[in-house]
């Protein structure tokens, strides 16, 4: 960084330093200083961000510094905030999720305890530290008394020879490791999150020797707060009357940066109201999908991730996402976007789905791609898929 940045601004708030840096020791040290209170709060940003997106993020989140250089305009953060994570809202305008050192440490400590990760065991960070999943690898390393192994990008060969005991991955990365015929027993833990994983992918990973733990969470909960359906220590869950998952506990965020309106809308008393539908059975959480991933077709509501999970079980399909697209007759139609070397026909896929789900959930359109387009955080780019990327192999009739 290009000069000292004070931990506190003249107003008594804490300075916020945007770090446009690759994954590496400098970023790790800055996160550690932010958590310890020895440095300013940090806003990690990817150096691969296009210039217009970087400007929009800086304008929306108003850090006081960028890589240690004071900006002409900027605003500090509340004193307890250590890290701000930039996330894209539904409108595309970046939101800043403010995380305290206490919340980040509570999350990391609960994670290490649940995974039985021992002091001195190293974590591999091959996810962007500008996203909460990569950031938490750094925090777990700090609590475990180690320095993380940090890769700027993802290479199956580099991951498998990293020497790390623990790794955090998204499903696409895990799928690439399996395609490389990886022996996953080289890791004590494969912590999987960021997007839904099919039962077939998990079975294949465990058959390859992986101890795979599936996490559920988001930036507002400091990352994964539920492992394999069970909440971490001190995390409480409930399902509201609207079907949305609520989370409470010490891992919750401190609010959205400069957006008290969004903060108030997300809070339900002491609970954080997520955008995910879920159900609790015997104290275990089952995530059904995002509320905005519901396809309304002919008066029927179809939970897209639930259909995608079934589609992905088809033996000819290696990856699948389901979205809704506008339809003049049904309002929306269910569209299956798949990766397959020898794709089934739409009729075959519909019959396969209707054996397991109601008829209205069967896809009315089939799109085949060489790979699913992803956002930088590893999640499928649903907006791109909804607006027609890909090759339509079988649009089919809009009927059931």
Protein backbone atom coordinates (compact mmCIF):
# COMPACT_ATOMS: atom_id res chain seq x y z
CA UNK A 1 0.00 0.00 0.00
CA UNK A 2 1.13 3.52 -0.75
CA UNK A 3 1.32 5.11 2.65
CA UNK A 4 -0.14 4.83 6.13
CA UNK A 5 -3.86 4.64 6.66
CA UNK A 6 -5.12 5.48 10.12
CA UNK A 7 -7.49 3.04 11.80
CA UNK A 8 -9.83 5.85 12.84
CA UNK A 9 -11.04 8.81 10.84
CA UNK A 10 -11.25 12.28 12.37
CA UNK A 11 -14.98 11.79 12.89
CA UNK A 12 -14.36 8.85 15.24
CA UNK A 13 -15.44 6.36 12.65
CA UNK A 14 -13.01 3.89 11.20
CA UNK A 15 -11.28 4.48 7.88
CA UNK A 16 -12.23 2.11 5.05
CA UNK A 17 -9.43 1.08 2.71
CA UNK A 18 -10.46 -0.55 -0.59
CA UNK A 19 -7.83 -3.12 -1.49
CA UNK A 20 -7.69 -3.83 -5.21
CA UNK A 21 -5.16 -6.61 -4.82
CA UNK A 22 -4.64 -10.21 -5.96
CA UNK A 23 -4.80 -13.00 -3.42
CA UNK A 24 -1.53 -12.91 -1.52
CA UNK A 25 0.35 -12.05 1.70
CA UNK A 26 -0.33 -8.29 1.51
CA UNK A 27 -4.08 -8.82 1.50
CA UNK A 28 -3.82 -11.45 4.26
CA UNK A 29 -1.86 -9.07 6.50
CA UNK A 30 -4.35 -6.25 5.89
CA UNK A 31 -7.29 -8.47 6.86
CA UNK A 32 -5.44 -9.52 10.03
CA UNK A 33 -4.74 -5.91 10.96
CA UNK A 34 -8.37 -4.99 10.36
CA UNK A 35 -9.57 -7.76 12.67
CA UNK A 36 -7.05 -6.83 15.37
CA UNK A 37 -7.88 -3.12 15.18
CA UNK A 38 -4.30 -2.27 14.17
CA UNK A 39 -5.34 -1.02 10.74
CA UNK A 40 -8.31 0.39 8.89
CA UNK A 41 -11.34 -1.62 7.89
CA UNK A 42 -10.86 -3.19 4.48
CA UNK A 43 -12.98 -3.58 1.36
CA UNK A 44 -11.32 -6.34 -0.73
CA UNK A 45 -11.96 -5.93 -4.47
CA UNK A 46 -10.82 -8.09 -7.35
CA UNK A 47 -8.13 -6.55 -9.57
CA UNK A 48 -9.86 -8.24 -12.52
CA UNK A 49 -12.93 -6.01 -12.16
CA UNK A 50 -13.52 -4.05 -15.37
CA UNK A 51 -12.88 -0.33 -14.90
CA UNK A 52 -16.58 0.68 -15.12
CA UNK A 53 -17.55 -1.92 -12.51
CA UNK A 54 -14.72 -0.82 -10.21
CA UNK A 55 -15.79 2.82 -10.49
CA UNK A 56 -19.41 1.90 -9.79
CA UNK A 57 -18.37 -0.09 -6.71
CA UNK A 58 -16.17 2.69 -5.36
CA UNK A 59 -18.91 5.26 -5.98
CA UNK A 60 -21.55 3.14 -4.24
CA UNK A 61 -19.44 2.07 -1.24
CA UNK A 62 -17.41 5.28 -0.81
CA UNK A 63 -14.21 4.02 0.84
CA UNK A 64 -11.93 6.64 2.32
CA UNK A 65 -8.86 5.11 0.64
CA UNK A 66 -7.97 2.86 -2.31
CA UNK A 67 -4.81 0.80 -1.83
CA UNK A 68 -3.77 3.24 0.89
CA UNK A 69 -4.30 6.38 -1.17
CA UNK A 70 -6.90 8.81 0.18
CA UNK A 71 -9.84 9.49 -2.09
CA UNK A 72 -11.23 12.96 -2.62
CA UNK A 73 -14.51 11.75 -1.18
CA UNK A 74 -15.26 8.89 1.14
CA UNK A 75 -16.93 7.99 4.39
CA UNK A 76 -15.74 5.97 7.34
CA UNK A 77 -17.48 2.91 8.76
CA UNK A 78 -18.81 2.29 12.27
CA UNK A 79 -16.02 1.49 14.69
CA UNK A 80 -16.92 -2.21 15.06
CA UNK A 81 -16.78 -2.92 11.31
CA UNK A 82 -13.60 -4.69 10.17
CA UNK A 83 -14.44 -5.81 6.63
CA UNK A 84 -16.92 -4.71 3.98
CA UNK A 85 -17.80 -7.31 1.34
CA UNK A 86 -19.20 -6.03 -1.95
CA UNK A 87 -22.13 -8.02 -3.30
CA UNK A 88 -24.28 -7.38 -6.34
CA UNK A 89 -27.89 -6.55 -5.63
CA UNK A 90 -30.83 -7.58 -7.79
CA UNK A 91 -30.59 -4.20 -9.53
CA UNK A 92 -26.89 -4.64 -10.26
CA UNK A 93 -25.96 -1.78 -7.89
CA UNK A 94 -23.23 -3.05 -5.52
CA UNK A 95 -24.16 -3.46 -1.87
CA UNK A 96 -21.61 -3.40 0.93
CA UNK A 97 -22.11 -5.99 3.68
CA UNK A 98 -20.46 -4.71 6.87
CA UNK A 99 -18.88 -7.44 9.03
CA UNK A 100 -17.46 -6.92 12.50
CA UNK A 101 -14.32 -8.61 13.76
CA UNK A 102 -16.46 -10.34 16.39
CA UNK A 103 -18.84 -11.78 13.81
CA UNK A 104 -16.02 -12.98 11.55
CA UNK A 105 -14.19 -14.60 14.44
CA UNK A 106 -17.37 -16.23 15.78
CA UNK A 107 -18.04 -17.73 12.36
CA UNK A 108 -14.49 -18.94 11.83
CA UNK A 109 -14.21 -20.41 15.34
CA UNK A 110 -17.50 -22.29 14.97
CA UNK A 111 -16.40 -23.59 11.57
CA UNK A 112 -13.02 -24.81 12.83
CA UNK A 113 -14.69 -26.52 15.78
CA UNK A 114 -17.33 -28.27 13.66
CA UNK A 115 -14.72 -29.47 11.16
CA UNK A 116 -12.29 -30.50 13.91
CA UNK A 117 -9.62 -28.43 12.16
CA UNK A 118 -6.53 -28.33 14.39
CA UNK A 119 -4.16 -25.42 15.06
CA UNK A 120 -1.35 -25.45 12.55
CA UNK A 121 -3.36 -27.14 9.81
CA UNK A 122 -3.31 -25.07 6.65
CA UNK A 123 -6.16 -23.89 4.45
CA UNK A 124 -6.03 -23.41 0.70
CA UNK A 125 -7.65 -20.24 -0.63
CA UNK A 126 -8.54 -20.73 -4.30
CA UNK A 127 -11.71 -18.63 -4.11
CA UNK A 128 -11.66 -14.83 -4.55
CA UNK A 129 -10.96 -13.20 -1.16
CA UNK A 130 -13.20 -10.35 -2.32
CA UNK A 131 -16.10 -12.75 -1.69
CA UNK A 132 -17.02 -14.00 1.75
CA UNK A 133 -16.12 -17.63 0.99
CA UNK A 134 -12.54 -16.71 0.19
CA UNK A 135 -12.37 -14.12 2.96
CA UNK A 136 -13.35 -16.69 5.58
CA UNK A 137 -10.48 -18.96 4.51
CA UNK A 138 -8.19 -16.10 5.58
CA UNK A 139 -10.00 -15.63 8.90
CA UNK A 140 -9.92 -19.37 9.69
CA UNK A 141 -6.20 -19.32 8.97
CA UNK A 142 -5.70 -16.40 11.34
CA UNK A 143 -7.54 -18.22 14.12
CA UNK A 144 -5.67 -21.45 13.38
CA UNK A 145 -2.31 -19.69 13.66
CA UNK A 146 -1.26 -20.40 10.08
CA UNK A 147 -0.78 -18.54 6.83
CA UNK A 148 -3.13 -19.69 4.08
CA UNK A 149 -1.89 -21.09 0.81
CA UNK A 150 -3.33 -18.60 -1.68
CA UNK A 151 -3.88 -19.26 -5.38
CA UNK A 152 -4.80 -16.42 -7.71
CA UNK A 153 -7.14 -18.54 -9.81
CA UNK A 154 -8.04 -22.21 -9.97
CA UNK A 155 -5.97 -25.07 -11.34
CA UNK A 156 -6.83 -28.70 -10.43
CA UNK A 157 -3.16 -29.68 -10.52
CA UNK A 158 -2.11 -26.80 -8.28
CA UNK A 159 -4.94 -27.50 -5.84
CA UNK A 160 -4.09 -31.18 -5.52
CA UNK A 161 -0.38 -30.51 -4.90
CA UNK A 162 -0.87 -27.53 -2.56
CA UNK A 163 -0.16 -29.46 0.64
CA UNK A 164 -3.16 -27.90 2.42
CA UNK A 165 -5.25 -29.94 4.83
CA UNK A 166 -8.49 -28.03 4.21
CA UNK A 167 -9.97 -26.42 1.11
CA UNK A 168 -13.11 -24.41 0.42
CA UNK A 169 -14.62 -24.92 -3.05
CA UNK A 170 -17.70 -24.18 -5.13
CA UNK A 171 -19.39 -27.06 -7.01
CA UNK A 172 -17.86 -26.14 -10.38
CA UNK A 173 -14.36 -26.41 -8.93
CA UNK A 174 -15.18 -29.75 -7.33
CA UNK A 175 -16.53 -31.00 -10.66
CA UNK A 176 -13.28 -29.98 -12.37
CA UNK A 177 -11.25 -31.87 -9.77
CA UNK A 178 -13.32 -34.99 -10.36
CA UNK A 179 -12.90 -34.61 -14.13
CA UNK A 180 -9.14 -34.67 -13.50
CA UNK A 181 -9.63 -37.98 -11.61
CA UNK A 182 -8.49 -36.36 -8.37
CA UNK A 183 -7.84 -38.31 -5.20
CA UNK A 184 -9.71 -36.09 -2.75
CA UNK A 185 -8.37 -37.95 0.27
CA UNK A 186 -5.36 -35.59 0.11
CA UNK A 187 -7.61 -33.13 1.97
CA UNK A 188 -8.88 -33.57 5.50
CA UNK A 189 -11.92 -31.46 4.58
CA UNK A 190 -13.53 -30.24 1.38
CA UNK A 191 -15.91 -27.46 2.44
CA UNK A 192 -18.41 -26.96 -0.37
CA UNK A 193 -20.65 -23.92 -0.77
CA UNK A 194 -21.61 -21.01 -2.98
CA UNK A 195 -24.22 -22.87 -5.02
CA UNK A 196 -26.40 -25.96 -4.84
CA UNK A 197 -24.60 -29.28 -5.36
CA UNK A 198 -26.35 -32.28 -6.85
CA UNK A 199 -26.52 -35.58 -5.03
CA UNK A 200 -24.58 -37.17 -7.87
CA UNK A 201 -21.71 -34.72 -7.49
CA UNK A 202 -21.52 -35.31 -3.74
CA UNK A 203 -21.61 -39.09 -4.19
CA UNK A 204 -18.84 -38.94 -6.78
CA UNK A 205 -16.70 -36.72 -4.54
CA UNK A 206 -17.10 -39.04 -1.58
CA UNK A 207 -16.31 -42.05 -3.76
CA UNK A 208 -13.09 -40.22 -4.71
CA UNK A 209 -12.09 -40.12 -1.04
CA UNK A 210 -13.41 -36.67 -0.17
CA UNK A 211 -14.74 -35.76 3.23
CA UNK A 212 -17.20 -33.24 1.81
CA UNK A 213 -19.09 -30.89 4.11
CA UNK A 214 -21.83 -28.81 2.49
CA UNK A 215 -22.18 -25.29 3.82
CA UNK A 216 -25.08 -22.86 3.57
CA UNK A 217 -24.78 -19.15 4.22
CA UNK A 218 -24.20 -15.78 2.61
CA UNK A 219 -22.19 -12.60 3.09
CA UNK A 220 -24.65 -11.38 5.71
CA UNK A 221 -23.91 -14.46 7.90
CA UNK A 222 -20.12 -14.28 7.43
CA UNK A 223 -20.39 -17.17 4.98
CA UNK A 224 -21.47 -20.69 5.84
CA UNK A 225 -23.46 -20.84 9.07
CA UNK A 226 -25.11 -24.24 8.48
CA UNK A 227 -23.06 -27.37 7.73
CA UNK A 228 -24.78 -30.45 6.31
CA UNK A 229 -28.12 -29.04 7.46
CA UNK A 230 -27.05 -28.39 11.07
CA UNK A 231 -26.48 -24.81 12.28
CA UNK A 232 -23.07 -23.96 13.68
CA UNK A 233 -22.54 -23.16 17.36
CA UNK A 234 -24.76 -20.31 18.61
CA UNK A 235 -26.55 -20.01 15.25
CA UNK A 236 -30.36 -20.17 15.40
CA UNK A 237 -32.65 -20.91 12.46
CA UNK A 238 -36.35 -20.65 11.82
CA UNK A 239 -38.71 -20.56 8.84
CA UNK A 240 -41.07 -17.60 8.68
CA UNK A 241 -44.68 -17.65 7.60
CA UNK A 242 -43.48 -16.52 4.16
CA UNK A 243 -41.36 -19.66 3.87
CA UNK A 244 -38.08 -17.71 4.06
CA UNK A 245 -35.16 -18.86 6.19
CA UNK A 246 -34.27 -16.62 9.13
CA UNK A 247 -30.89 -16.64 10.90
CA UNK A 248 -29.89 -15.27 14.30
CA UNK A 249 -26.64 -15.36 16.25
CA UNK A 250 -23.24 -13.71 16.62
CA UNK A 251 -22.30 -14.29 12.96
CA UNK A 252 -24.72 -11.70 11.59
CA UNK A 253 -23.61 -8.62 9.67
CA UNK A 254 -23.71 -5.10 11.06
CA UNK A 255 -25.83 -3.69 8.23
CA UNK A 256 -25.50 -2.64 4.63
CA UNK A 257 -22.99 0.08 3.89
CA UNK A 258 -24.73 3.48 3.66
CA UNK A 259 -28.11 1.78 3.14
CA UNK A 260 -30.15 1.81 6.36
CA UNK A 261 -33.27 1.19 4.27
CA UNK A 262 -31.94 -2.16 3.05
CA UNK A 263 -30.73 -3.02 6.54
CA UNK A 264 -34.16 -2.40 8.06
CA UNK A 265 -35.86 -4.42 5.31
CA UNK A 266 -33.60 -7.41 5.96
CA UNK A 267 -34.13 -7.47 9.73
CA UNK A 268 -37.02 -9.19 11.44
CA UNK A 269 -36.51 -8.35 15.09
CA UNK A 270 -33.21 -10.00 16.02
CA UNK A 271 -33.32 -12.21 12.92
CA UNK A 272 -31.87 -11.77 9.46
CA UNK A 273 -34.46 -12.55 6.82
CA UNK A 274 -32.75 -14.34 3.94
CA UNK A 275 -34.08 -14.55 0.38
CA UNK A 276 -34.05 -18.35 0.52
CA UNK A 277 -36.96 -20.72 0.92
CA UNK A 278 -36.44 -23.60 3.32
CA UNK A 279 -37.92 -26.16 5.63
CA UNK A 280 -36.83 -27.61 8.98
CA UNK A 281 -37.14 -31.32 9.66
CA UNK A 282 -35.91 -32.70 12.96
CA UNK A 283 -33.82 -29.59 13.54
CA UNK A 284 -32.10 -29.90 10.16
CA UNK A 285 -32.40 -27.31 7.42
CA UNK A 286 -33.29 -28.13 3.85
CA UNK A 287 -32.78 -25.22 1.46
CA UNK A 288 -35.35 -25.23 -1.31
CA UNK A 289 -33.96 -22.32 -3.31
CA UNK A 290 -34.12 -18.57 -3.57
CA UNK A 291 -37.53 -16.96 -3.48
CA UNK A 292 -36.68 -15.21 -6.75
CA UNK A 293 -35.80 -18.61 -8.26
CA UNK A 294 -39.47 -19.57 -8.26
CA UNK A 295 -40.89 -19.91 -11.77
CA UNK A 296 -44.57 -18.99 -12.03
CA UNK A 297 -45.96 -21.05 -14.89
CA UNK A 298 -49.67 -21.22 -15.61
CA UNK A 299 -50.55 -20.40 -12.00
CA UNK A 300 -48.21 -23.06 -10.60
CA UNK A 301 -45.08 -22.19 -8.63
CA UNK A 302 -41.99 -24.22 -9.50
CA UNK A 303 -38.86 -24.00 -7.30
CA UNK A 304 -36.13 -23.93 -9.95
CA UNK A 305 -33.27 -25.40 -7.84
CA UNK A 306 -35.44 -28.39 -6.91
CA UNK A 307 -36.03 -29.12 -10.61
CA UNK A 308 -32.33 -28.58 -11.37
CA UNK A 309 -31.39 -31.15 -8.75
CA UNK A 310 -33.60 -33.73 -10.47
CA UNK A 311 -32.38 -32.79 -13.97
CA UNK A 312 -28.77 -33.17 -12.82
CA UNK A 313 -29.49 -36.78 -11.82
CA UNK A 314 -30.19 -37.73 -15.45
CA UNK A 315 -27.35 -40.08 -16.47
CA UNK A 316 -26.57 -38.13 -19.66
CA UNK A 317 -26.26 -34.75 -17.88
CA UNK A 318 -23.15 -33.55 -16.05
CA UNK A 319 -24.39 -30.13 -14.88
CA UNK A 320 -27.73 -28.33 -14.84
CA UNK A 321 -29.41 -25.07 -13.96
CA UNK A 322 -33.13 -24.30 -14.27
CA UNK A 323 -34.51 -20.82 -14.92
CA UNK A 324 -37.78 -19.22 -15.98
CA UNK A 325 -38.17 -17.42 -19.28
CA UNK A 326 -41.14 -15.31 -20.43
CA UNK A 327 -43.86 -17.27 -22.20
CA UNK A 328 -46.89 -15.69 -23.91
CA UNK A 329 -49.23 -18.49 -22.85
CA UNK A 330 -47.97 -19.60 -19.44
CA UNK A 331 -46.41 -16.37 -18.16
CA UNK A 332 -43.12 -18.17 -17.64
CA UNK A 333 -41.84 -21.49 -18.90
CA UNK A 334 -39.42 -23.82 -17.12
CA UNK A 335 -36.09 -23.96 -18.98
CA UNK A 336 -33.41 -26.58 -18.28
CA UNK A 337 -29.88 -25.43 -19.14
CA UNK A 338 -27.57 -28.44 -19.17
CA UNK A 339 -24.04 -29.57 -19.90
CA UNK A 340 -24.04 -32.89 -21.75
CA UNK A 341 -21.89 -34.63 -24.36
CA UNK A 342 -24.92 -36.60 -25.58
CA UNK A 343 -28.00 -34.69 -24.39
CA UNK A 344 -31.36 -36.37 -24.01
CA UNK A 345 -34.34 -35.17 -26.01
CA UNK A 346 -36.73 -32.78 -24.34
CA UNK A 347 -39.37 -35.52 -24.29
CA UNK A 348 -36.95 -37.89 -22.54
CA UNK A 349 -35.97 -35.25 -19.98
CA UNK A 350 -39.61 -34.31 -19.31
CA UNK A 351 -40.50 -37.95 -18.72
CA UNK A 352 -37.50 -38.32 -16.38
CA UNK A 353 -38.55 -35.26 -14.33
CA UNK A 354 -42.25 -36.23 -14.24
CA UNK A 355 -41.32 -39.53 -12.59
CA UNK A 356 -40.05 -37.51 -9.63
CA UNK A 357 -41.90 -34.16 -9.63
CA UNK A 358 -45.35 -32.85 -10.60
CA UNK A 359 -45.94 -32.49 -14.35
CA UNK A 360 -45.92 -28.68 -14.22
CA UNK A 361 -42.29 -28.79 -13.03
CA UNK A 362 -41.07 -30.64 -16.14
CA UNK A 363 -38.96 -28.38 -18.41
CA UNK A 364 -40.70 -26.92 -21.45
CA UNK A 365 -37.37 -25.99 -23.06
CA UNK A 366 -33.93 -27.58 -23.17
CA UNK A 367 -30.70 -25.62 -23.68
CA UNK A 368 -27.32 -27.31 -24.05
CA UNK A 369 -24.07 -25.50 -23.29
CA UNK A 370 -20.43 -26.54 -23.10
CA UNK A 371 -20.32 -25.06 -19.60
CA UNK A 372 -22.62 -23.09 -17.31
CA UNK A 373 -21.67 -19.37 -17.24
CA UNK A 374 -20.54 -18.33 -13.78
CA UNK A 375 -20.29 -15.14 -11.76
CA UNK A 376 -16.89 -14.34 -10.14
CA UNK A 377 -18.08 -15.97 -6.89
CA UNK A 378 -18.64 -19.30 -8.65
CA UNK A 379 -22.42 -19.14 -8.74
CA UNK A 380 -24.32 -19.65 -12.02
CA UNK A 381 -25.05 -16.44 -13.91
CA UNK A 382 -28.82 -16.78 -13.76
CA UNK A 383 -29.49 -13.40 -15.35
CA UNK A 384 -27.50 -14.38 -18.44
CA UNK A 385 -29.32 -17.70 -18.63
CA UNK A 386 -32.75 -16.13 -18.26
CA UNK A 387 -32.07 -13.84 -21.19
CA UNK A 388 -31.24 -16.55 -23.65
CA UNK A 389 -27.54 -17.39 -23.72
CA UNK A 390 -26.80 -20.83 -25.09
CA UNK A 391 -27.95 -23.05 -27.92
CA UNK A 392 -31.54 -24.19 -27.83
CA UNK A 393 -31.54 -27.82 -28.89
CA UNK A 394 -35.22 -28.49 -28.24
CA UNK A 395 -37.58 -25.62 -27.39
CA UNK A 396 -40.57 -27.97 -27.34
CA UNK A 397 -44.21 -26.98 -27.05
CA UNK A 398 -45.31 -24.76 -24.17
CA UNK A 399 -47.50 -27.43 -22.63
CA UNK A 400 -47.52 -30.05 -19.95
